[in-house]
Amino acid sequence: GCDASVLLDSTPGNQAEKDGPPNISVRSFYVIDDAKTKLEMACPHTVSCADIITIAARDVVTMSGGPRWNVLKGRKDGRISKAAETINLPAPTFNVTQLIQSFAKRGLGAKDLVALSGGHTLGFSHCSSFEARLHNFSSAHDVDPSMNNEFSQKLRKKCPKPNKDHNAGEFLDSTSSTFDNDYYRRLMAGKGVFGSDQALVGDYRTRWIVEAFAKDQSLFFKEFAASMVKLGNVGVIENGEVRLKCRVVN
């Protein structure tokens, strides 16, 4: 969120957002802590943890070969973080109608949805987020028929049922540390990892945007940067604080 709620640690009386099911694989919070420590030395009580996340997100995209954009600053940090609220995140099982509704609630359109999904060009997913596509998918199909056959066999080997290896999973595109348009090219080939990724190709409202980004990386970069600026304005709070330590409220 735009108030750095994901950085707060759980307390005995409250399970925080970072410990909600969709965020289990969010790691490396120390990167934000290190940046915060240096900022507090340089200009105390000035830069919020929310701004640090937003700037770091931009910087990691740029450092990985992606676009650069101007991050608007001045966010405040919130004091509330509840694991139960992660239910509001769009799920990897969503279809396009559910995705469009989820993004629309935040003032984001179909083009924002497809562009921001391209953030999956960086990243990894555990089996639990996509194994429903690989085993007993429906009464008619054991495996999701929208998935490339060779790809589904590869994933079934990595994510057997029952799965004993809790670290097993798959990178979300084949160049997982480079920010590029490979994600969209893989969707066109039926190699999206999440059902919500592959669904973007199966629906006329989003397919044309996937095709455009698969063909033209610079167009994807331009639209991704524009959508990230819009996303950076969602849920900004006026009456928060600037946390001194990102893991705890002041």
Protein backbone atom coordinates (compact mmCIF):
# COMPACT_ATOMS: atom_id res chain seq x y z
CA GLY A 1 0.00 0.00 0.00
CA CYS A 2 0.91 3.67 -0.28
CA ASP A 3 1.29 4.03 3.50
CA ALA A 4 4.05 1.41 3.98
CA SER A 5 1.69 -0.85 5.93
CA VAL A 6 3.46 -3.90 4.46
CA LEU A 7 6.66 -2.99 6.36
CA LEU A 8 5.16 -3.15 9.87
CA ASP A 9 6.07 -6.24 11.91
CA SER A 10 3.42 -8.40 13.55
CA THR A 11 2.92 -7.90 17.29
CA PRO A 12 1.51 -10.34 19.90
CA GLY A 13 -1.91 -8.71 19.45
CA ASN A 14 -1.89 -8.27 15.67
CA GLN A 15 -0.87 -10.27 12.61
CA ALA A 16 0.51 -7.74 10.12
CA GLU A 17 0.16 -7.58 6.33
CA LYS A 18 3.64 -8.98 5.65
CA ASP A 19 2.50 -12.25 7.29
CA GLY A 20 -0.68 -12.56 5.19
CA PRO A 21 -0.71 -15.47 2.70
CA PRO A 22 -0.05 -13.45 -0.50
CA ASN A 23 3.01 -11.76 1.07
CA ILE A 24 4.82 -14.82 2.42
CA SER A 25 7.42 -14.60 -0.35
CA VAL A 26 8.00 -10.84 0.08
CA ARG A 27 11.52 -10.69 1.49
CA SER A 28 14.61 -8.48 1.86
CA PHE A 29 12.93 -5.87 4.06
CA TYR A 30 16.46 -5.06 5.28
CA VAL A 31 17.02 -3.15 2.01
CA ILE A 32 14.37 -0.61 3.06
CA ASP A 33 15.68 -0.60 6.67
CA ASP A 34 19.22 0.22 5.43
CA ALA A 35 17.95 3.08 3.24
CA LYS A 36 15.88 4.43 6.14
CA THR A 37 18.86 4.36 8.55
CA LYS A 38 20.97 6.42 6.12
CA LEU A 39 18.14 8.89 5.45
CA GLU A 40 17.54 9.42 9.18
CA MET A 41 21.23 10.33 9.56
CA ALA A 42 21.16 12.70 6.57
CA CYS A 43 17.76 14.39 7.07
CA PRO A 44 15.89 13.14 10.16
CA HIS A 45 12.07 12.78 10.33
CA THR A 46 11.67 13.81 6.68
CA VAL A 47 11.38 10.91 4.22
CA SER A 48 8.58 8.42 4.90
CA CYS A 49 8.96 4.65 4.58
CA ALA A 50 6.14 4.81 2.00
CA ASP A 51 8.23 7.13 -0.20
CA ILE A 52 11.28 4.89 0.23
CA ILE A 53 9.36 1.86 -1.09
CA THR A 54 8.04 3.84 -4.07
CA ILE A 55 11.49 5.18 -4.97
CA ALA A 56 13.14 1.77 -4.45
CA ALA A 57 10.54 0.14 -6.73
CA ARG A 58 11.40 2.64 -9.47
CA ASP A 59 15.14 2.21 -8.95
CA VAL A 60 15.07 -1.60 -9.10
CA VAL A 61 13.10 -1.46 -12.36
CA THR A 62 15.63 0.98 -13.85
CA MET A 63 18.63 -1.02 -12.58
CA SER A 64 17.15 -4.17 -14.16
CA GLY A 65 17.01 -2.56 -17.60
CA GLY A 66 13.53 -1.06 -17.42
CA PRO A 67 12.19 2.49 -17.70
CA ARG A 68 12.71 5.39 -15.31
CA TRP A 69 10.00 7.78 -14.13
CA ASN A 70 9.58 10.67 -11.73
CA VAL A 71 8.28 9.49 -8.37
CA LEU A 72 5.97 11.97 -6.65
CA LYS A 73 6.99 12.29 -3.01
CA GLY A 74 5.35 13.38 0.25
CA ARG A 75 3.48 10.23 1.29
CA LYS A 76 2.88 9.61 4.99
CA ASP A 77 3.18 6.28 6.80
CA GLY A 78 0.12 4.57 8.25
CA ARG A 79 -0.17 3.00 11.70
CA ILE A 80 -2.40 0.04 10.82
CA SER A 81 -1.37 -3.24 9.20
CA LYS A 82 -3.70 -6.25 9.17
CA ALA A 83 -2.92 -9.61 7.54
CA ALA A 84 -6.65 -10.14 6.91
CA GLU A 85 -6.72 -7.12 4.57
CA THR A 86 -4.44 -8.87 2.07
CA ILE A 87 -7.67 -10.47 0.83
CA ASN A 88 -8.10 -7.20 -1.13
CA LEU A 89 -5.12 -8.04 -3.37
CA PRO A 90 -6.00 -9.41 -6.82
CA ALA A 91 -5.52 -13.19 -6.63
CA PRO A 92 -3.46 -15.31 -9.08
CA THR A 93 -6.65 -17.29 -9.77
CA PHE A 94 -8.71 -14.26 -10.90
CA ASN A 95 -10.28 -14.06 -14.36
CA VAL A 96 -10.21 -10.85 -16.39
CA THR A 97 -13.60 -9.60 -15.15
CA GLN A 98 -12.44 -9.96 -11.52
CA LEU A 99 -9.10 -8.30 -12.34
CA ILE A 100 -10.76 -5.36 -14.12
CA GLN A 101 -13.13 -4.86 -11.15
CA SER A 102 -10.27 -5.02 -8.64
CA PHE A 103 -8.23 -2.42 -10.53
CA ALA A 104 -11.28 -0.22 -11.23
CA LYS A 105 -11.89 0.10 -7.47
CA ARG A 106 -8.52 1.85 -7.34
CA GLY A 107 -9.18 4.09 -10.33
CA LEU A 108 -7.06 1.99 -12.71
CA GLY A 109 -8.20 0.85 -16.17
CA ALA A 110 -7.62 -2.23 -18.34
CA LYS A 111 -4.42 -0.78 -19.82
CA ASP A 112 -3.05 -0.17 -16.30
CA LEU A 113 -3.98 -3.75 -15.41
CA VAL A 114 -2.06 -5.24 -18.34
CA ALA A 115 0.92 -2.88 -17.95
CA LEU A 116 1.27 -3.46 -14.19
CA SER A 117 0.92 -7.23 -14.64
CA GLY A 118 4.13 -6.85 -16.64
CA GLY A 119 5.86 -6.31 -13.31
CA HIS A 120 5.85 -10.13 -13.29
CA THR A 121 8.83 -9.89 -15.64
CA LEU A 122 10.76 -9.80 -12.33
CA GLY A 123 9.94 -12.42 -9.76
CA PHE A 124 9.25 -15.93 -8.60
CA SER A 125 6.16 -17.78 -7.43
CA HIS A 126 5.81 -20.75 -5.13
CA CYS A 127 3.80 -23.75 -6.38
CA SER A 128 0.87 -22.90 -4.10
CA SER A 129 -0.08 -19.92 -6.29
CA PHE A 130 -0.51 -21.93 -9.50
CA GLU A 131 -0.72 -25.65 -8.66
CA ALA A 132 -4.52 -25.59 -9.10
CA ARG A 133 -3.82 -25.23 -12.85
CA LEU A 134 -1.73 -28.42 -12.89
CA HIS A 135 -3.85 -31.02 -11.06
CA ASN A 136 -7.65 -31.63 -11.15
CA PHE A 137 -8.17 -28.31 -12.92
CA SER A 138 -11.81 -29.05 -13.82
CA SER A 139 -14.15 -31.99 -14.35
CA ALA A 140 -13.10 -32.05 -18.03
CA HIS A 141 -9.37 -31.26 -17.75
CA ASP A 142 -6.67 -32.37 -15.32
CA VAL A 143 -4.46 -29.47 -16.53
CA ASP A 144 -5.58 -25.94 -17.48
CA PRO A 145 -6.07 -26.20 -21.29
CA SER A 146 -4.87 -22.61 -21.79
CA MET A 147 -1.38 -23.72 -20.71
CA ASN A 148 1.29 -24.78 -23.21
CA ASN A 149 1.57 -28.58 -23.00
CA GLU A 150 5.34 -28.84 -22.66
CA PHE A 151 5.32 -26.04 -20.07
CA SER A 152 2.61 -27.72 -17.98
CA GLN A 153 4.62 -30.98 -17.91
CA LYS A 154 7.67 -29.06 -16.71
CA LEU A 155 5.66 -27.39 -13.94
CA ARG A 156 4.03 -30.68 -12.89
CA LYS A 157 7.51 -32.11 -12.32
CA LYS A 158 8.47 -29.09 -10.19
CA CYS A 159 5.17 -29.08 -8.28
CA PRO A 160 4.08 -32.70 -7.76
CA LYS A 161 1.03 -33.59 -5.71
CA PRO A 162 1.56 -33.85 -2.76
CA ASN A 163 4.40 -31.34 -2.79
CA LYS A 164 7.02 -31.91 -0.07
CA ASP A 165 9.31 -29.05 -1.12
CA HIS A 166 7.92 -25.76 0.20
CA ASN A 167 10.54 -23.75 -1.69
CA ALA A 168 9.59 -25.22 -5.09
CA GLY A 169 8.17 -22.92 -7.73
CA GLU A 170 8.82 -21.13 -11.01
CA PHE A 171 10.13 -17.78 -12.24
CA LEU A 172 7.38 -15.65 -13.79
CA ASP A 173 9.29 -15.17 -17.02
CA SER A 174 12.44 -16.67 -18.55
CA THR A 175 14.60 -13.56 -17.94
CA SER A 176 13.58 -13.12 -14.31
CA SER A 177 16.22 -10.55 -13.32
CA THR A 178 15.86 -8.39 -16.46
CA PHE A 179 12.98 -5.96 -16.86
CA ASP A 180 11.76 -6.59 -20.43
CA ASN A 181 8.67 -7.65 -22.40
CA ASP A 182 9.47 -11.40 -22.30
CA TYR A 183 6.49 -11.85 -19.94
CA TYR A 184 4.06 -10.84 -22.71
CA ARG A 185 5.77 -13.00 -25.33
CA ARG A 186 5.41 -15.98 -22.99
CA LEU A 187 1.71 -15.24 -22.46
CA MET A 188 1.24 -15.37 -26.24
CA ALA A 189 2.89 -18.82 -26.21
CA GLY A 190 0.63 -20.14 -23.41
CA LYS A 191 3.42 -19.99 -20.83
CA GLY A 192 1.94 -17.66 -18.21
CA VAL A 193 2.54 -19.04 -14.70
CA PHE A 194 -0.54 -17.62 -12.95
CA GLY A 195 -4.07 -18.20 -14.20
CA SER A 196 -4.56 -14.42 -13.85
CA ASP A 197 -1.59 -13.84 -16.21
CA GLN A 198 -2.71 -16.30 -18.89
CA ALA A 199 -6.29 -14.99 -18.69
CA LEU A 200 -5.12 -11.65 -20.13
CA VAL A 201 -4.62 -13.36 -23.51
CA GLY A 202 -7.95 -15.18 -23.42
CA ASP A 203 -10.15 -12.08 -23.13
CA TYR A 204 -10.82 -9.62 -25.96
CA ARG A 205 -10.67 -6.66 -23.54
CA THR A 206 -7.02 -7.26 -22.69
CA ARG A 207 -5.61 -9.47 -25.46
CA TRP A 208 -4.89 -6.58 -27.86
CA ILE A 209 -2.84 -4.80 -25.17
CA VAL A 210 -0.81 -7.97 -24.46
CA GLU A 211 -0.15 -8.31 -28.21
CA ALA A 212 0.96 -4.67 -28.46
CA PHE A 213 3.39 -5.00 -25.51
CA ALA A 214 4.74 -8.33 -26.82
CA LYS A 215 5.57 -6.63 -30.12
CA ASP A 216 6.85 -3.30 -28.81
CA GLN A 217 8.97 -3.20 -25.64
CA SER A 218 9.34 0.59 -25.66
CA LEU A 219 5.53 0.94 -25.68
CA PHE A 220 5.35 -1.38 -22.66
CA PHE A 221 8.02 0.68 -20.85
CA LYS A 222 6.13 3.93 -21.52
CA GLU A 223 2.78 2.53 -20.32
CA PHE A 224 4.33 0.78 -17.30
CA ALA A 225 5.93 4.03 -16.11
CA ALA A 226 2.64 5.94 -16.56
CA SER A 227 0.68 3.26 -14.66
CA MET A 228 3.23 3.20 -11.82
CA VAL A 229 2.77 6.94 -11.32
CA LYS A 230 -1.02 6.37 -11.15
CA LEU A 231 -0.55 3.43 -8.77
CA GLY A 232 1.68 5.61 -6.60
CA ASN A 233 -1.31 7.88 -5.96
CA VAL A 234 -3.66 5.12 -4.81
CA GLY A 235 -4.45 5.13 -1.10
CA VAL A 236 -2.14 7.97 -0.13
CA ILE A 237 -3.08 9.11 3.40
CA GLU A 238 -2.99 12.73 4.55
CA ASN A 239 -2.81 12.31 8.32
CA GLY A 240 -0.10 9.72 8.86
CA GLU A 241 3.39 10.03 10.32
CA VAL A 242 6.97 9.70 9.15
CA ARG A 243 8.14 6.53 10.87
CA LEU A 244 11.59 6.57 12.45
CA LYS A 245 11.89 2.80 11.97
CA CYS A 246 9.95 1.23 9.13
CA ARG A 247 9.03 -1.93 11.08
CA VAL A 248 7.28 -0.17 13.97
CA VAL A 249 4.97 2.82 14.42
CA ASN A 250 6.38 5.84 16.24
